[in-house]
Amino acid sequence: MTELKYIPFITLALKRDRVASEQLDSIRAILREHFDYDCRVSLHSLPYGLSTARVEFASHSDVALSRVFNVLGEWNAI
């Protein structure tokens, strides 16, 4: 039987009044300060011009830590 693996990630709502690529760079810089590895951050577009960032972590524990300690405080997790 095949075991499913879930990628530990969070989705962040990006701000409409700022350039998405600059926000992704800021998110990556914050994550580098708190984690000892490079988290994968990718941009996703939604209808009506909305954008989100998907941040993939190495473990589900890191997702929990980032939420509990509000590491990415400026961006709201969806």
PDB file of N, CA and C in Angstrom:
ATOM      1  N   MET A   1       0.838  -1.181   0.000  1.00  0.00           N
ATOM      2  CA  MET A   1       0.000   0.000   0.000  1.00  0.00           C
ATOM      3  C   MET A   1       0.882   1.243   0.000  1.00  0.00           C
ATOM      4  N   THR A   2       0.521   2.217  -0.801  1.00  0.00           N
ATOM      5  CA  THR A   2       1.296   3.449  -0.922  1.00  0.00           C
ATOM      6  C   THR A   2       0.943   4.401   0.207  1.00  0.00           C
ATOM      7  N   GLU A   3       1.972   4.942   0.839  1.00  0.00           N
ATOM      8  CA  GLU A   3       1.760   5.907   1.912  1.00  0.00           C
ATOM      9  C   GLU A   3       1.777   7.317   1.319  1.00  0.00           C
ATOM     10  N   LEU A   4       0.778   8.098   1.667  1.00  0.00           N
ATOM     11  CA  LEU A   4       0.716   9.469   1.183  1.00  0.00           C
ATOM     12  C   LEU A   4       1.594  10.362   2.042  1.00  0.00           C
ATOM     13  N   LYS A   5       2.292  11.278   1.401  1.00  0.00           N
ATOM     14  CA  LYS A   5       3.089  12.264   2.122  1.00  0.00           C
ATOM     15  C   LYS A   5       2.489  13.632   1.869  1.00  0.00           C
ATOM     16  N   TYR A   6       2.234  14.341   2.942  1.00  0.00           N
ATOM     17  CA  TYR A   6       1.690  15.680   2.821  1.00  0.00           C
ATOM     18  C   TYR A   6       2.809  16.690   2.963  1.00  0.00           C
ATOM     19  N   ILE A   7       2.838  17.649   2.049  1.00  0.00           N
ATOM     20  CA  ILE A   7       3.853  18.700   2.092  1.00  0.00           C
ATOM     21  C   ILE A   7       3.422  19.715   3.146  1.00  0.00           C
ATOM     22  N   PRO A   8       4.272  19.976   4.133  1.00  0.00           N
ATOM     23  CA  PRO A   8       3.932  20.974   5.143  1.00  0.00           C
ATOM     24  C   PRO A   8       4.054  22.376   4.555  1.00  0.00           C
ATOM     25  N   PHE A   9       2.944  23.089   4.491  1.00  0.00           N
ATOM     26  CA  PHE A   9       2.969  24.423   3.888  1.00  0.00           C
ATOM     27  C   PHE A   9       1.925  25.314   4.536  1.00  0.00           C
ATOM     28  N   ILE A  10       2.080  26.608   4.309  1.00  0.00           N
ATOM     29  CA  ILE A  10       1.044  27.576   4.630  1.00  0.00           C
ATOM     30  C   ILE A  10       0.860  28.478   3.408  1.00  0.00           C
ATOM     31  N   THR A  11      -0.315  29.028   3.296  1.00  0.00           N
ATOM     32  CA  THR A  11      -0.622  29.962   2.218  1.00  0.00           C
ATOM     33  C   THR A  11      -0.814  31.337   2.831  1.00  0.00           C
ATOM     34  N   LEU A  12      -0.170  32.327   2.253  1.00  0.00           N
ATOM     35  CA  LEU A  12      -0.233  33.692   2.752  1.00  0.00           C
ATOM     36  C   LEU A  12      -0.920  34.592   1.744  1.00  0.00           C
ATOM     37  N   ALA A  13      -1.781  35.470   2.231  1.00  0.00           N
ATOM     38  CA  ALA A  13      -2.416  36.472   1.366  1.00  0.00           C
ATOM     39  C   ALA A  13      -1.433  37.616   1.164  1.00  0.00           C
ATOM     40  N   LEU A  14      -1.149  37.934  -0.089  1.00  0.00           N
ATOM     41  CA  LEU A  14      -0.249  39.044  -0.385  1.00  0.00           C
ATOM     42  C   LEU A  14      -1.041  40.341  -0.453  1.00  0.00           C
ATOM     43  N   LYS A  15      -0.365  41.431  -0.192  1.00  0.00           N
ATOM     44  CA  LYS A  15      -0.999  42.745  -0.192  1.00  0.00           C
ATOM     45  C   LYS A  15      -1.137  43.249  -1.630  1.00  0.00           C
ATOM     46  N   ARG A  16      -2.277  43.844  -1.929  1.00  0.00           N
ATOM     47  CA  ARG A  16      -2.549  44.320  -3.285  1.00  0.00           C
ATOM     48  C   ARG A  16      -1.747  45.562  -3.645  1.00  0.00           C
ATOM     49  N   ASP A  17      -1.396  46.366  -2.649  1.00  0.00           N
ATOM     50  CA  ASP A  17      -0.743  47.648  -2.924  1.00  0.00           C
ATOM     51  C   ASP A  17       0.778  47.555  -3.025  1.00  0.00           C
ATOM     52  N   ARG A  18       1.324  46.337  -2.959  1.00  0.00           N
ATOM     53  CA  ARG A  18       2.770  46.156  -3.080  1.00  0.00           C
ATOM     54  C   ARG A  18       3.073  45.137  -4.157  1.00  0.00           C
ATOM     55  N   VAL A  19       4.232  45.256  -4.776  1.00  0.00           N
ATOM     56  CA  VAL A  19       4.648  44.335  -5.839  1.00  0.00           C
ATOM     57  C   VAL A  19       4.865  42.940  -5.242  1.00  0.00           C
ATOM     58  N   ALA A  20       4.283  41.948  -5.893  1.00  0.00           N
ATOM     59  CA  ALA A  20       4.327  40.573  -5.371  1.00  0.00           C
ATOM     60  C   ALA A  20       5.755  40.051  -5.229  1.00  0.00           C
ATOM     61  N   SER A  21       6.622  40.307  -6.203  1.00  0.00           N
ATOM     62  CA  SER A  21       7.996  39.778  -6.143  1.00  0.00           C
ATOM     63  C   SER A  21       8.763  40.375  -4.960  1.00  0.00           C
ATOM     64  N   GLU A  22       8.502  41.643  -4.645  1.00  0.00           N
ATOM     65  CA  GLU A  22       9.155  42.261  -3.485  1.00  0.00           C
ATOM     66  C   GLU A  22       8.663  41.623  -2.190  1.00  0.00           C
ATOM     67  N   GLN A  23       7.376  41.295  -2.131  1.00  0.00           N
ATOM     68  CA  GLN A  23       6.831  40.647  -0.953  1.00  0.00           C
ATOM     69  C   GLN A  23       7.423  39.247  -0.771  1.00  0.00           C
ATOM     70  N   LEU A  24       7.582  38.521  -1.884  1.00  0.00           N
ATOM     71  CA  LEU A  24       8.188  37.184  -1.806  1.00  0.00           C
ATOM     72  C   LEU A  24       9.622  37.274  -1.298  1.00  0.00           C
ATOM     73  N   ASP A  25      10.368  38.265  -1.761  1.00  0.00           N
ATOM     74  CA  ASP A  25      11.738  38.457  -1.283  1.00  0.00           C
ATOM     75  C   ASP A  25      11.752  38.759   0.212  1.00  0.00           C
ATOM     76  N   SER A  26      10.816  39.572   0.678  1.00  0.00           N
ATOM     77  CA  SER A  26      10.727  39.891   2.106  1.00  0.00           C
ATOM     78  C   SER A  26      10.383  38.658   2.923  1.00  0.00           C
ATOM     79  N   ILE A  27       9.464  37.850   2.420  1.00  0.00           N
ATOM     80  CA  ILE A  27       9.079  36.612   3.112  1.00  0.00           C
ATOM     81  C   ILE A  27      10.278  35.677   3.209  1.00  0.00           C
ATOM     82  N   ARG A  28      11.012  35.510   2.102  1.00  0.00           N
ATOM     83  CA  ARG A  28      12.197  34.641   2.115  1.00  0.00           C
ATOM     84  C   ARG A  28      13.237  35.133   3.119  1.00  0.00           C
ATOM     85  N   ALA A  29      13.449  36.450   3.193  1.00  0.00           N
ATOM     86  CA  ALA A  29      14.429  37.024   4.122  1.00  0.00           C
ATOM     87  C   ALA A  29      14.022  36.747   5.572  1.00  0.00           C
ATOM     88  N   ILE A  30      12.749  36.893   5.883  1.00  0.00           N
ATOM     89  CA  ILE A  30      12.269  36.621   7.238  1.00  0.00           C
ATOM     90  C   ILE A  30      12.458  35.148   7.580  1.00  0.00           C
ATOM     91  N   LEU A  31      12.132  34.269   6.648  1.00  0.00           N
ATOM     92  CA  LEU A  31      12.262  32.834   6.900  1.00  0.00           C
ATOM     93  C   LEU A  31      13.724  32.434   7.108  1.00  0.00           C
ATOM     94  N   ARG A  32      14.642  33.066   6.371  1.00  0.00           N
ATOM     95  CA  ARG A  32      16.069  32.768   6.547  1.00  0.00           C
ATOM     96  C   ARG A  32      16.553  33.124   7.950  1.00  0.00           C
ATOM     97  N   GLU A  33      15.957  34.155   8.541  1.00  0.00           N
ATOM     98  CA  GLU A  33      16.335  34.559   9.890  1.00  0.00           C
ATOM     99  C   GLU A  33      15.903  33.543  10.943  1.00  0.00           C
ATOM    100  N   HIS A  34      14.815  32.810  10.666  1.00  0.00           N
ATOM    101  CA  HIS A  34      14.223  31.932  11.672  1.00  0.00           C
ATOM    102  C   HIS A  34      14.476  30.442  11.461  1.00  0.00           C
ATOM    103  N   PHE A  35      14.791  30.042  10.250  1.00  0.00           N
ATOM    104  CA  PHE A  35      14.999  28.621   9.966  1.00  0.00           C
ATOM    105  C   PHE A  35      16.375  28.416   9.354  1.00  0.00           C
ATOM    106  N   ASP A  36      16.960  27.249   9.594  1.00  0.00           N
ATOM    107  CA  ASP A  36      18.318  26.983   9.114  1.00  0.00           C
ATOM    108  C   ASP A  36      18.344  26.332   7.726  1.00  0.00           C
ATOM    109  N   TYR A  37      17.287  26.479   6.972  1.00  0.00           N
ATOM    110  CA  TYR A  37      17.223  25.961   5.599  1.00  0.00           C
ATOM    111  C   TYR A  37      16.390  26.948   4.775  1.00  0.00           C
ATOM    112  N   ASP A  38      16.475  26.829   3.458  1.00  0.00           N
ATOM    113  CA  ASP A  38      15.703  27.699   2.576  1.00  0.00           C
ATOM    114  C   ASP A  38      14.325  27.093   2.342  1.00  0.00           C
ATOM    115  N   CYS A  39      13.302  27.784   2.794  1.00  0.00           N
ATOM    116  CA  CYS A  39      11.923  27.368   2.548  1.00  0.00           C
ATOM    117  C   CYS A  39      11.574  27.712   1.109  1.00  0.00           C
ATOM    118  N   ARG A  40      10.809  26.863   0.477  1.00  0.00           N
ATOM    119  CA  ARG A  40      10.370  27.128  -0.896  1.00  0.00           C
ATOM    120  C   ARG A  40       9.179  28.077  -0.834  1.00  0.00           C
ATOM    121  N   VAL A  41       9.275  29.187  -1.535  1.00  0.00           N
ATOM    122  CA  VAL A  41       8.207  30.184  -1.576  1.00  0.00           C
ATOM    123  C   VAL A  41       7.812  30.386  -3.028  1.00  0.00           C
ATOM    124  N   SER A  42       6.527  30.197  -3.337  1.00  0.00           N
ATOM    125  CA  SER A  42       6.069  30.358  -4.714  1.00  0.00           C
ATOM    126  C   SER A  42       4.831  31.262  -4.760  1.00  0.00           C
ATOM    127  N   LEU A  43       4.663  31.906  -5.893  1.00  0.00           N
ATOM    128  CA  LEU A  43       3.573  32.852  -6.102  1.00  0.00           C
ATOM    129  C   LEU A  43       2.420  32.158  -6.813  1.00  0.00           C
ATOM    130  N   HIS A  44       1.193  32.423  -6.345  1.00  0.00           N
ATOM    131  CA  HIS A  44      -0.007  31.877  -6.974  1.00  0.00           C
ATOM    132  C   HIS A  44      -0.998  33.011  -7.180  1.00  0.00           C
ATOM    133  N   SER A  45      -1.571  33.076  -8.364  1.00  0.00           N
ATOM    134  CA  SER A  45      -2.550  34.113  -8.686  1.00  0.00           C
ATOM    135  C   SER A  45      -3.955  33.552  -8.561  1.00  0.00           C
ATOM    136  N   LEU A  46      -4.826  34.374  -8.026  1.00  0.00           N
ATOM    137  CA  LEU A  46      -6.227  34.016  -7.872  1.00  0.00           C
ATOM    138  C   LEU A  46      -7.066  34.969  -8.725  1.00  0.00           C
ATOM    139  N   PRO A  47      -8.330  34.630  -8.961  1.00  0.00           N
ATOM    140  CA  PRO A  47      -9.188  35.541  -9.727  1.00  0.00           C
ATOM    141  C   PRO A  47      -9.273  36.929  -9.078  1.00  0.00           C
ATOM    142  N   TYR A  48      -9.669  37.898  -9.838  1.00  0.00           N
ATOM    143  CA  TYR A  48      -9.836  39.284  -9.397  1.00  0.00           C
ATOM    144  C   TYR A  48      -8.526  39.942  -9.006  1.00  0.00           C
ATOM    145  N   GLY A  49      -7.414  39.457  -9.519  1.00  0.00           N
ATOM    146  CA  GLY A  49      -6.129  40.100  -9.277  1.00  0.00           C
ATOM    147  C   GLY A  49      -5.510  39.827  -7.927  1.00  0.00           C
ATOM    148  N   LEU A  50      -6.037  38.890  -7.172  1.00  0.00           N
ATOM    149  CA  LEU A  50      -5.462  38.559  -5.871  1.00  0.00           C
ATOM    150  C   LEU A  50      -4.295  37.597  -6.049  1.00  0.00           C
ATOM    151  N   SER A  51      -3.311  37.699  -5.165  1.00  0.00           N
ATOM    152  CA  SER A  51      -2.148  36.811  -5.205  1.00  0.00           C
ATOM    153  C   SER A  51      -1.894  36.232  -3.823  1.00  0.00           C
ATOM    154  N   THR A  52      -1.368  35.021  -3.812  1.00  0.00           N
ATOM    155  CA  THR A  52      -0.984  34.375  -2.560  1.00  0.00           C
ATOM    156  C   THR A  52       0.431  33.824  -2.707  1.00  0.00           C
ATOM    157  N   ALA A  53       1.049  33.588  -1.575  1.00  0.00           N
ATOM    158  CA  ALA A  53       2.358  32.947  -1.547  1.00  0.00           C
ATOM    159  C   ALA A  53       2.207  31.618  -0.837  1.00  0.00           C
ATOM    160  N   ARG A  54       2.771  30.590  -1.410  1.00  0.00           N
ATOM    161  CA  ARG A  54       2.782  29.269  -0.774  1.00  0.00           C
ATOM    162  C   ARG A  54       4.182  29.069  -0.216  1.00  0.00           C
ATOM    163  N   VAL A  55       4.265  28.812   1.081  1.00  0.00           N
ATOM    164  CA  VAL A  55       5.540  28.605   1.756  1.00  0.00           C
ATOM    165  C   VAL A  55       5.606  27.143   2.192  1.00  0.00           C
ATOM    166  N   GLU A  56       6.584  26.409   1.647  1.00  0.00           N
ATOM    167  CA  GLU A  56       6.751  24.995   1.982  1.00  0.00           C
ATOM    168  C   GLU A  56       7.883  24.844   2.991  1.00  0.00           C
ATOM    169  N   PHE A  57       7.597  24.129   4.070  1.00  0.00           N
ATOM    170  CA  PHE A  57       8.552  23.916   5.153  1.00  0.00           C
ATOM    171  C   PHE A  57       9.086  22.487   5.118  1.00  0.00           C
ATOM    172  N   ALA A  58      10.108  22.227   5.914  1.00  0.00           N
ATOM    173  CA  ALA A  58      10.708  20.891   5.981  1.00  0.00           C
ATOM    174  C   ALA A  58       9.865  19.943   6.831  1.00  0.00           C
ATOM    175  N   SER A  59       9.100  20.486   7.769  1.00  0.00           N
ATOM    176  CA  SER A  59       8.302  19.620   8.643  1.00  0.00           C
ATOM    177  C   SER A  59       7.037  20.338   9.095  1.00  0.00           C
ATOM    178  N   HIS A  60       6.089  19.545   9.551  1.00  0.00           N
ATOM    179  CA  HIS A  60       4.850  20.111  10.074  1.00  0.00           C
ATOM    180  C   HIS A  60       5.112  20.873  11.372  1.00  0.00           C
ATOM    181  N   SER A  61       6.144  20.496  12.093  1.00  0.00           N
ATOM    182  CA  SER A  61       6.522  21.214  13.315  1.00  0.00           C
ATOM    183  C   SER A  61       6.936  22.648  12.986  1.00  0.00           C
ATOM    184  N   ASP A  62       7.632  22.838  11.884  1.00  0.00           N
ATOM    185  CA  ASP A  62       8.049  24.184  11.482  1.00  0.00           C
ATOM    186  C   ASP A  62       6.841  25.044  11.105  1.00  0.00           C
ATOM    187  N   VAL A  63       5.835  24.426  10.493  1.00  0.00           N
ATOM    188  CA  VAL A  63       4.607  25.151  10.178  1.00  0.00           C
ATOM    189  C   VAL A  63       3.967  25.632  11.474  1.00  0.00           C
ATOM    190  N   ALA A  64       3.869  24.737  12.444  1.00  0.00           N
ATOM    191  CA  ALA A  64       3.268  25.082  13.729  1.00  0.00           C
ATOM    192  C   ALA A  64       4.058  26.179  14.429  1.00  0.00           C
ATOM    193  N   LEU A  65       5.375  26.068  14.425  1.00  0.00           N
ATOM    194  CA  LEU A  65       6.200  27.090  15.072  1.00  0.00           C
ATOM    195  C   LEU A  65       6.028  28.447  14.405  1.00  0.00           C
ATOM    196  N   SER A  66       5.966  28.471  13.083  1.00  0.00           N
ATOM    197  CA  SER A  66       5.818  29.746  12.385  1.00  0.00           C
ATOM    198  C   SER A  66       4.464  30.385  12.697  1.00  0.00           C
ATOM    199  N   ARG A  67       3.440  29.566  12.901  1.00  0.00           N
ATOM    200  CA  ARG A  67       2.122  30.103  13.241  1.00  0.00           C
ATOM    201  C   ARG A  67       2.063  30.553  14.704  1.00  0.00           C
ATOM    202  N   VAL A  68       2.562  29.728  15.602  1.00  0.00           N
ATOM    203  CA  VAL A  68       2.497  30.043  17.032  1.00  0.00           C
ATOM    204  C   VAL A  68       3.273  31.311  17.356  1.00  0.00           C
ATOM    205  N   PHE A  69       4.454  31.443  16.786  1.00  0.00           N
ATOM    206  CA  PHE A  69       5.299  32.602  17.069  1.00  0.00           C
ATOM    207  C   PHE A  69       5.094  33.737  16.076  1.00  0.00           C
ATOM    208  N   ASN A  70       4.098  33.591  15.194  1.00  0.00           N
ATOM    209  CA  ASN A  70       3.733  34.637  14.236  1.00  0.00           C
ATOM    210  C   ASN A  70       4.963  35.166  13.484  1.00  0.00           C
ATOM    211  N   VAL A  71       5.753  34.254  12.970  1.00  0.00           N
ATOM    212  CA  VAL A  71       6.990  34.599  12.266  1.00  0.00           C
ATOM    213  C   VAL A  71       6.713  35.527  11.087  1.00  0.00           C
ATOM    214  N   LEU A  72       5.643  35.271  10.370  1.00  0.00           N
ATOM    215  CA  LEU A  72       5.308  36.060   9.184  1.00  0.00           C
ATOM    216  C   LEU A  72       4.159  37.008   9.492  1.00  0.00           C
ATOM    217  N   GLY A  73       4.276  37.748  10.567  1.00  0.00           N
ATOM    218  CA  GLY A  73       3.218  38.572  11.103  1.00  0.00           C
ATOM    219  C   GLY A  73       2.567  39.543  10.138  1.00  0.00           C
ATOM    220  N   GLU A  74       3.323  40.121   9.237  1.00  0.00           N
ATOM    221  CA  GLU A  74       2.756  41.112   8.309  1.00  0.00           C
ATOM    222  C   GLU A  74       1.791  40.463   7.313  1.00  0.00           C
ATOM    223  N   TRP A  75       1.994  39.197   7.010  1.00  0.00           N
ATOM    224  CA  TRP A  75       1.162  38.496   6.048  1.00  0.00           C
ATOM    225  C   TRP A  75       0.237  37.545   6.791  1.00  0.00           C
ATOM    226  N   ASN A  76      -1.015  37.526   6.403  1.00  0.00           N
ATOM    227  CA  ASN A  76      -2.007  36.680   7.044  1.00  0.00           C
ATOM    228  C   ASN A  76      -2.056  35.320   6.372  1.00  0.00           C
ATOM    229  N   ALA A  77      -1.985  34.269   7.194  1.00  0.00           N
ATOM    230  CA  ALA A  77      -2.123  32.919   6.670  1.00  0.00           C
ATOM    231  C   ALA A  77      -3.596  32.670   6.352  1.00  0.00           C
ATOM    232  N   ILE A  78      -3.819  32.014   5.246  1.00  0.00           N
ATOM    233  CA  ILE A  78      -5.193  31.705   4.843  1.00  0.00           C
ATOM    234  C   ILE A  78      -5.471  30.254   5.215  1.00  0.00           C
TER     235      ILE A  78
END
